[in-house]
């Protein structure tokens, strides 16, 4: 089988798929449920464009942030639609207002996650809120290139490796392209999410009808998981009492490349970086925590210009990189791989998520469940 990059280095960004002139690369998933490119060697002409486009195969240029802000939308209703302070929504609405197009992740009814092209605010609402697993970009990079060649502005929002994949695929600068990368802990596989949903459907004796990974019903900082079911029942629990988040914060779920992520640092790949301003409570702020507070790193002149266009709809406070990094550890280093990672995924093939978590980290999981039981 043709090797595009080392398996453990693959980001799943699909720059290779988009650059292949013979369309001989397709999307598959590996044994752990992670996105992988597969080459049909019967069509391959050995041009190696896929190898050259892969951002894992070469040094990527990063930018030192020019400004660090805490921010949120002034419109509380709009801010509550988003996971943090609504800065992505504000940026996207501006781009749409000048005839541009947004490319962002949308959760489908079957809970698959895909990057799609967004042309209006109704479509934009389907792309708001955080989704804690990896999106497939499909052929979006090609669509973006066509739009840019026709002088249509594009705002691309994704994980840093997806931004790197797009830039590597394009191979040149386009004035109309604006990129927004996210402060990313790492990307779990959809297999983990599917197993988690299956556990809850069994517990609630009904099919899932909706899931929010970061509902604000108990406040922005509580990170509440909310699920609704066909029988009318619902589940709502903060991250500290939820099975999915237990494994997420113990480093069990991410793809191998996340644990050596070259983008987990203060220098950034996008024009603007967005995340949650964790630790804002330790600094002086006039912003309203109930609405959520975004961390905003402005990394390029294009990013500065874009942010200036939305100042009337947002509230910004200047902060320092030291404040931003204090509780956002992925601005310092990648997430740590749990020593029981391989054991967890081997167990997940044969067991439910809850069983795999228990058998991977028995003492920690018992303590976690006991704490939850006593709280109840």
Protein backbone atom coordinates (compact mmCIF):
# COMPACT_ATOMS: atom_id res chain seq x y z
CA UNK A 1 0.00 0.00 0.00
CA UNK A 2 1.28 3.49 -0.88
CA UNK A 3 2.45 5.45 2.15
CA UNK A 4 1.62 9.16 2.14
CA UNK A 5 3.10 9.80 5.59
CA UNK A 6 3.89 7.74 8.67
CA UNK A 7 0.69 6.33 10.14
CA UNK A 8 1.27 7.87 13.58
CA UNK A 9 1.96 11.27 11.98
CA UNK A 10 -1.27 11.41 9.95
CA UNK A 11 -3.60 14.24 11.01
CA UNK A 12 -6.56 13.03 8.96
CA UNK A 13 -6.65 16.50 7.34
CA UNK A 14 -7.21 15.01 3.84
CA UNK A 15 -4.95 17.46 2.00
CA UNK A 16 -3.79 14.36 0.10
CA UNK A 17 -7.31 13.46 -1.03
CA UNK A 18 -7.97 16.98 -2.26
CA UNK A 19 -4.71 17.26 -4.20
CA UNK A 20 -4.83 13.91 -6.01
CA UNK A 21 -5.30 14.53 -9.78
CA UNK A 22 -6.70 11.01 -10.36
CA UNK A 23 -9.14 10.90 -7.40
CA UNK A 24 -7.57 7.65 -6.31
CA UNK A 25 -7.64 8.56 -2.59
CA UNK A 26 -10.75 7.89 -0.51
CA UNK A 27 -11.72 8.33 3.15
CA UNK A 28 -11.78 5.33 5.42
CA UNK A 29 -11.49 4.70 9.16
CA UNK A 30 -8.85 2.66 10.94
CA UNK A 31 -9.40 0.04 13.65
CA UNK A 32 -9.87 2.76 16.27
CA UNK A 33 -12.35 4.73 14.20
CA UNK A 34 -10.03 7.53 13.05
CA UNK A 35 -10.18 9.11 9.58
CA UNK A 36 -7.56 7.68 7.23
CA UNK A 37 -6.79 8.24 3.52
CA UNK A 38 -6.74 5.05 1.42
CA UNK A 39 -4.97 4.96 -1.96
CA UNK A 40 -6.36 2.92 -4.85
CA UNK A 41 -3.02 1.88 -6.30
CA UNK A 42 -4.63 0.70 -9.54
CA UNK A 43 -5.35 4.39 -10.34
CA UNK A 44 -2.25 5.93 -8.76
CA UNK A 45 0.25 7.44 -11.23
CA UNK A 46 3.00 7.97 -8.58
CA UNK A 47 3.02 11.74 -9.07
CA UNK A 48 3.59 12.13 -5.29
CA UNK A 49 1.47 15.28 -5.12
CA UNK A 50 -0.26 13.75 -2.09
CA UNK A 51 3.09 13.31 -0.33
CA UNK A 52 4.08 16.91 -1.03
CA UNK A 53 0.70 18.27 0.09
CA UNK A 54 0.73 16.40 3.40
CA UNK A 55 1.54 18.91 6.19
CA UNK A 56 3.00 16.08 8.30
CA UNK A 57 5.85 15.78 5.78
CA UNK A 58 7.25 19.31 6.00
CA UNK A 59 7.82 22.26 8.32
CA UNK A 60 4.78 24.54 8.61
CA UNK A 61 5.15 28.28 9.17
CA UNK A 62 3.56 29.51 12.40
CA UNK A 63 2.88 33.08 13.52
CA UNK A 64 3.53 34.73 16.88
CA UNK A 65 0.29 36.37 18.09
CA UNK A 66 0.21 40.13 17.77
CA UNK A 67 -2.61 40.60 20.28
CA UNK A 68 -4.31 38.52 22.97
CA UNK A 69 -7.91 39.23 23.91
CA UNK A 70 -10.80 37.97 25.96
CA UNK A 71 -14.02 38.56 24.07
CA UNK A 72 -17.73 37.90 23.72
CA UNK A 73 -20.63 39.00 21.55
CA UNK A 74 -22.63 41.91 22.93
CA UNK A 75 -25.89 40.18 21.96
CA UNK A 76 -26.44 37.73 24.83
CA UNK A 77 -28.90 35.60 22.87
CA UNK A 78 -26.39 35.15 20.05
CA UNK A 79 -23.58 34.45 22.51
CA UNK A 80 -25.64 31.74 24.20
CA UNK A 81 -25.96 29.96 20.83
CA UNK A 82 -22.20 29.42 20.85
CA UNK A 83 -19.93 27.37 23.09
CA UNK A 84 -17.67 30.19 24.28
CA UNK A 85 -18.23 33.90 23.75
CA UNK A 86 -19.54 33.71 20.19
CA UNK A 87 -16.52 35.24 18.41
CA UNK A 88 -16.61 32.70 15.56
CA UNK A 89 -20.27 33.54 14.97
CA UNK A 90 -19.49 37.26 14.85
CA UNK A 91 -16.63 36.72 12.39
CA UNK A 92 -18.74 34.44 10.21
CA UNK A 93 -21.71 36.83 10.10
CA UNK A 94 -19.41 39.59 8.85
CA UNK A 95 -17.93 37.40 6.10
CA UNK A 96 -21.42 36.39 4.97
CA UNK A 97 -22.49 40.06 4.95
CA UNK A 98 -19.81 40.90 2.36
CA UNK A 99 -20.77 38.00 0.09
CA UNK A 100 -18.23 35.54 1.44
CA UNK A 101 -18.55 31.86 2.32
CA UNK A 102 -17.76 30.00 5.54
CA UNK A 103 -16.29 26.49 5.75
CA UNK A 104 -16.91 24.89 9.15
CA UNK A 105 -17.90 21.61 10.80
CA UNK A 106 -21.54 20.50 10.88
CA UNK A 107 -22.95 17.59 12.84
CA UNK A 108 -25.24 15.42 10.71
CA UNK A 109 -28.39 13.56 11.87
CA UNK A 110 -26.37 10.30 12.04
CA UNK A 111 -23.84 12.15 14.25
CA UNK A 112 -21.14 12.07 11.60
CA UNK A 113 -19.18 15.32 11.41
CA UNK A 114 -18.30 17.02 8.13
CA UNK A 115 -16.94 20.37 7.03
CA UNK A 116 -19.47 22.10 4.78
CA UNK A 117 -19.73 25.33 2.83
CA UNK A 118 -22.02 27.86 4.55
CA UNK A 119 -23.76 30.59 2.55
CA UNK A 120 -26.26 32.13 4.99
CA UNK A 121 -26.96 32.57 8.71
CA UNK A 122 -29.48 29.70 8.85
CA UNK A 123 -26.79 27.31 7.62
CA UNK A 124 -24.29 28.94 10.00
CA UNK A 125 -26.39 28.04 13.07
CA UNK A 126 -25.95 24.36 12.21
CA UNK A 127 -22.17 24.82 12.56
CA UNK A 128 -22.12 26.52 15.95
CA UNK A 129 -21.07 24.88 19.23
CA UNK A 130 -18.14 22.56 19.88
CA UNK A 131 -18.11 18.96 18.70
CA UNK A 132 -15.63 16.77 20.52
CA UNK A 133 -14.53 14.49 17.70
CA UNK A 134 -12.89 14.83 14.30
CA UNK A 135 -14.60 16.29 11.29
CA UNK A 136 -13.94 15.06 7.77
CA UNK A 137 -13.18 17.91 5.37
CA UNK A 138 -14.05 15.78 2.33
CA UNK A 139 -13.34 17.77 -0.83
CA UNK A 140 -13.86 21.19 0.82
CA UNK A 141 -10.31 22.35 0.08
CA UNK A 142 -11.03 22.06 -3.64
CA UNK A 143 -14.26 24.04 -3.27
CA UNK A 144 -12.41 26.73 -1.33
CA UNK A 145 -9.77 27.01 -4.05
CA UNK A 146 -12.46 27.49 -6.71
CA UNK A 147 -14.12 30.23 -4.65
CA UNK A 148 -10.84 32.04 -4.05
CA UNK A 149 -9.99 31.91 -7.76
CA UNK A 150 -13.32 33.67 -8.35
CA UNK A 151 -12.44 36.39 -5.83
CA UNK A 152 -14.96 35.22 -3.23
CA UNK A 153 -13.85 35.60 0.38
CA UNK A 154 -13.67 32.41 2.44
CA UNK A 155 -13.39 31.98 6.21
CA UNK A 156 -12.17 28.49 7.10
CA UNK A 157 -12.50 27.36 10.71
CA UNK A 158 -11.05 24.09 11.99
CA UNK A 159 -8.39 22.41 14.07
CA UNK A 160 -4.83 23.68 13.47
CA UNK A 161 -3.93 20.56 11.46
CA UNK A 162 -6.96 21.12 9.20
CA UNK A 163 -5.88 24.74 8.63
CA UNK A 164 -2.37 23.46 7.87
CA UNK A 165 -3.86 20.93 5.45
CA UNK A 166 -5.75 23.65 3.60
CA UNK A 167 -2.73 25.95 3.36
CA UNK A 168 -0.49 23.09 2.21
CA UNK A 169 -3.05 22.06 -0.41
CA UNK A 170 -3.38 25.62 -1.76
CA UNK A 171 0.39 26.07 -1.94
CA UNK A 172 0.13 29.88 -2.22
CA UNK A 173 -1.35 32.86 -0.43
CA UNK A 174 -4.80 34.13 -1.37
CA UNK A 175 -5.89 37.59 -0.21
CA UNK A 176 -9.49 36.40 0.09
CA UNK A 177 -8.72 33.51 2.45
CA UNK A 178 -9.09 33.97 6.21
CA UNK A 179 -8.31 31.12 8.57
CA UNK A 180 -9.40 30.51 12.13
CA UNK A 181 -7.74 27.72 14.09
CA UNK A 182 -9.00 26.36 17.40
CA UNK A 183 -7.17 25.70 20.65
CA UNK A 184 -7.48 21.92 20.40
CA UNK A 185 -6.98 19.28 23.12
CA UNK A 186 -6.97 16.48 20.53
CA UNK A 187 -9.59 14.72 18.42
CA UNK A 188 -11.40 11.61 19.68
CA UNK A 189 -12.62 9.09 17.11
CA UNK A 190 -16.27 8.78 16.15
CA UNK A 191 -16.15 5.18 17.44
CA UNK A 192 -15.81 6.58 20.98
CA UNK A 193 -18.77 8.92 20.42
CA UNK A 194 -20.87 6.12 18.92
CA UNK A 195 -20.14 3.86 21.89
CA UNK A 196 -20.97 6.67 24.30
CA UNK A 197 -24.29 7.30 22.56
CA UNK A 198 -25.05 3.55 22.56
CA UNK A 199 -24.50 3.45 26.33
CA UNK A 200 -26.95 6.30 26.85
CA UNK A 201 -29.55 4.87 24.46
CA UNK A 202 -29.45 1.63 26.42
CA UNK A 203 -29.73 3.48 29.72
CA UNK A 204 -32.67 5.63 28.54
CA UNK A 205 -34.34 2.87 26.45
CA UNK A 206 -34.68 5.19 23.47
CA UNK A 207 -32.88 6.50 20.39
CA UNK A 208 -30.91 9.72 20.61
CA UNK A 209 -32.48 12.78 18.97
CA UNK A 210 -29.91 15.42 19.92
CA UNK A 211 -26.56 15.95 21.65
CA UNK A 212 -24.74 19.06 22.87
CA UNK A 213 -21.22 18.61 24.18
CA UNK A 214 -21.09 22.05 25.79
CA UNK A 215 -24.56 23.20 26.86
CA UNK A 216 -24.52 26.42 28.92
CA UNK A 217 -27.58 25.53 31.03
CA UNK A 218 -25.39 25.17 34.15
CA UNK A 219 -23.04 27.97 33.10
CA UNK A 220 -20.24 28.30 30.57
CA UNK A 221 -17.50 26.86 32.78
CA UNK A 222 -19.54 23.78 33.82
CA UNK A 223 -19.15 22.10 30.40
CA UNK A 224 -22.53 20.37 30.51
CA UNK A 225 -23.24 17.36 28.29
CA UNK A 226 -26.89 17.36 27.22
CA UNK A 227 -28.72 14.63 25.30
CA UNK A 228 -32.36 14.25 24.28
CA UNK A 229 -34.13 11.02 23.36
CA UNK A 230 -37.07 10.01 21.21
CA UNK A 231 -39.17 8.97 24.24
CA UNK A 232 -39.00 12.52 25.60
CA UNK A 233 -36.39 11.83 28.26
CA UNK A 234 -33.19 13.83 28.56
CA UNK A 235 -29.73 13.55 30.09
CA UNK A 236 -27.77 16.52 31.44
CA UNK A 237 -24.55 16.27 33.39
CA UNK A 238 -21.48 18.41 33.93
CA UNK A 239 -18.12 17.24 32.61
CA UNK A 240 -16.91 16.19 36.03
CA UNK A 241 -19.67 13.58 36.23
CA UNK A 242 -19.85 12.36 32.64
CA UNK A 243 -18.30 9.17 31.19
CA UNK A 244 -17.27 10.73 27.86
CA UNK A 245 -15.42 13.56 29.55
CA UNK A 246 -13.77 11.18 32.02
CA UNK A 247 -11.88 9.46 29.21
CA UNK A 248 -11.38 12.71 27.31
CA UNK A 249 -9.58 14.42 30.19
CA UNK A 250 -7.55 11.28 30.96
CA UNK A 251 -6.00 11.32 27.47
CA UNK A 252 -7.52 8.01 26.29
CA UNK A 253 -9.25 9.07 23.08
CA UNK A 254 -7.11 11.16 20.74
CA UNK A 255 -5.52 10.10 17.46
CA UNK A 256 -1.83 9.27 17.71
CA UNK A 257 -0.66 12.48 16.02
CA UNK A 258 -2.43 14.59 18.66
CA UNK A 259 0.03 13.46 21.33
CA UNK A 260 2.92 14.93 19.34
CA UNK A 261 0.96 17.83 17.83
CA UNK A 262 3.33 20.40 16.27
CA UNK A 263 0.62 23.08 16.60
CA UNK A 264 0.10 22.82 20.38
CA UNK A 265 2.06 25.96 21.21
CA UNK A 266 1.57 29.71 21.47
CA UNK A 267 2.72 30.33 17.88
CA UNK A 268 -0.26 29.63 15.63
CA UNK A 269 -1.13 28.53 12.09
CA UNK A 270 -4.34 30.57 11.56
CA UNK A 271 -4.94 34.28 11.06
CA UNK A 272 -7.02 34.16 14.25
CA UNK A 273 -7.06 31.54 17.02
CA UNK A 274 -10.19 30.95 19.09
CA UNK A 275 -10.78 28.96 22.26
CA UNK A 276 -12.21 29.27 25.75
CA UNK A 277 -10.44 31.75 28.01
CA UNK A 278 -10.00 29.27 30.85
CA UNK A 279 -8.51 30.99 33.88
CA UNK A 280 -10.16 34.34 33.15
CA UNK A 281 -11.52 34.24 36.71
CA UNK A 282 -7.95 34.68 37.98
CA UNK A 283 -7.60 38.01 36.16
CA UNK A 284 -9.45 41.30 36.24
CA UNK A 285 -12.32 41.23 33.74
CA UNK A 286 -15.49 43.19 33.04
CA UNK A 287 -16.92 40.49 30.77
CA UNK A 288 -19.99 38.42 31.73
CA UNK A 289 -18.97 34.79 32.44
CA UNK A 290 -22.56 33.56 32.06
CA UNK A 291 -22.38 34.34 28.33
CA UNK A 292 -19.07 32.50 27.88
CA UNK A 293 -15.72 34.15 27.27
CA UNK A 294 -13.62 33.47 24.19
CA UNK A 295 -9.86 33.52 24.00
CA UNK A 296 -8.85 35.42 20.86
CA UNK A 297 -5.29 35.37 19.50
CA UNK A 298 -4.75 37.68 16.53
CA UNK A 299 -1.80 36.26 14.62
CA UNK A 300 -1.55 38.09 11.28
CA UNK A 301 -2.33 41.45 9.70
CA UNK A 302 -5.30 39.83 7.96
CA UNK A 303 -6.52 38.67 11.35
CA UNK A 304 -6.17 42.20 12.77
CA UNK A 305 -8.13 43.63 9.86
CA UNK A 306 -10.89 41.03 10.17
CA UNK A 307 -11.29 41.59 13.90
CA UNK A 308 -11.51 45.34 13.38
CA UNK A 309 -14.55 44.79 11.14
CA UNK A 310 -16.64 43.26 13.96
CA UNK A 311 -15.75 45.55 16.88
CA UNK A 312 -19.23 47.06 16.95
CA UNK A 313 -20.79 43.66 17.76
CA UNK A 314 -18.31 42.38 20.35
CA UNK A 315 -16.66 43.33 23.60
CA UNK A 316 -12.87 42.85 23.79
CA UNK A 317 -10.36 43.10 26.62
CA UNK A 318 -6.60 43.04 26.16
CA UNK A 319 -4.76 40.34 28.09
CA UNK A 320 -1.32 38.74 28.11
CA UNK A 321 -0.12 35.48 26.61
CA UNK A 322 0.91 34.38 30.10
CA UNK A 323 -2.72 34.75 31.25
CA UNK A 324 -3.95 32.88 28.19
CA UNK A 325 -1.51 29.99 28.66
CA UNK A 326 -2.04 29.56 32.39
CA UNK A 327 -5.03 27.20 32.07
CA UNK A 328 -4.93 26.47 28.33
CA UNK A 329 -2.21 23.81 28.45
CA UNK A 330 -2.43 23.16 24.70
CA UNK A 331 -0.88 26.58 24.13
CA UNK A 332 2.17 25.11 25.88
CA UNK A 333 2.34 21.48 24.76
CA UNK A 334 0.30 18.58 23.31
CA UNK A 335 -2.02 16.50 25.47
CA UNK A 336 -0.40 13.52 27.16
CA UNK A 337 -1.06 10.01 25.89
CA UNK A 338 -2.51 7.80 28.63
CA UNK A 339 -0.32 4.72 29.28
CA UNK A 340 -3.47 2.59 28.92
CA UNK A 341 -4.35 4.00 25.49
CA UNK A 342 -3.78 0.78 23.52
CA UNK A 343 -5.58 -1.29 26.16
CA UNK A 344 -8.55 1.07 26.06
CA UNK A 345 -9.03 0.80 22.29
CA UNK A 346 -8.56 -2.98 22.35
CA UNK A 347 -11.30 -3.18 25.00
CA UNK A 348 -13.56 -0.77 23.12
CA UNK A 349 -13.77 -3.21 20.20
CA UNK A 350 -15.51 -5.75 22.44
CA UNK A 351 -17.17 -3.70 25.17
CA UNK A 352 -19.25 -0.62 25.85
CA UNK A 353 -17.53 2.69 26.54
CA UNK A 354 -18.32 2.46 30.24
CA UNK A 355 -16.87 -1.05 30.48
CA UNK A 356 -13.75 -0.05 28.51
CA UNK A 357 -13.19 2.94 30.80
CA UNK A 358 -13.61 0.81 33.91
CA UNK A 359 -11.25 -1.93 32.72
CA UNK A 360 -8.64 0.59 31.49
CA UNK A 361 -8.55 2.76 34.62
CA UNK A 362 -10.38 0.72 37.30
CA UNK A 363 -9.38 2.62 40.45
CA UNK A 364 -9.81 6.07 38.93
CA UNK A 365 -13.11 5.11 37.33
CA UNK A 366 -14.51 3.63 40.57
CA UNK A 367 -13.55 6.83 42.40
CA UNK A 368 -15.17 8.88 39.63
CA UNK A 369 -18.42 6.87 39.75
CA UNK A 370 -18.52 6.90 43.56
CA UNK A 371 -18.18 10.68 43.56
CA UNK A 372 -21.06 10.88 41.08
CA UNK A 373 -23.19 8.48 43.16
CA UNK A 374 -22.61 10.46 46.37
CA UNK A 375 -23.51 13.69 44.59
CA UNK A 376 -26.79 12.16 43.44
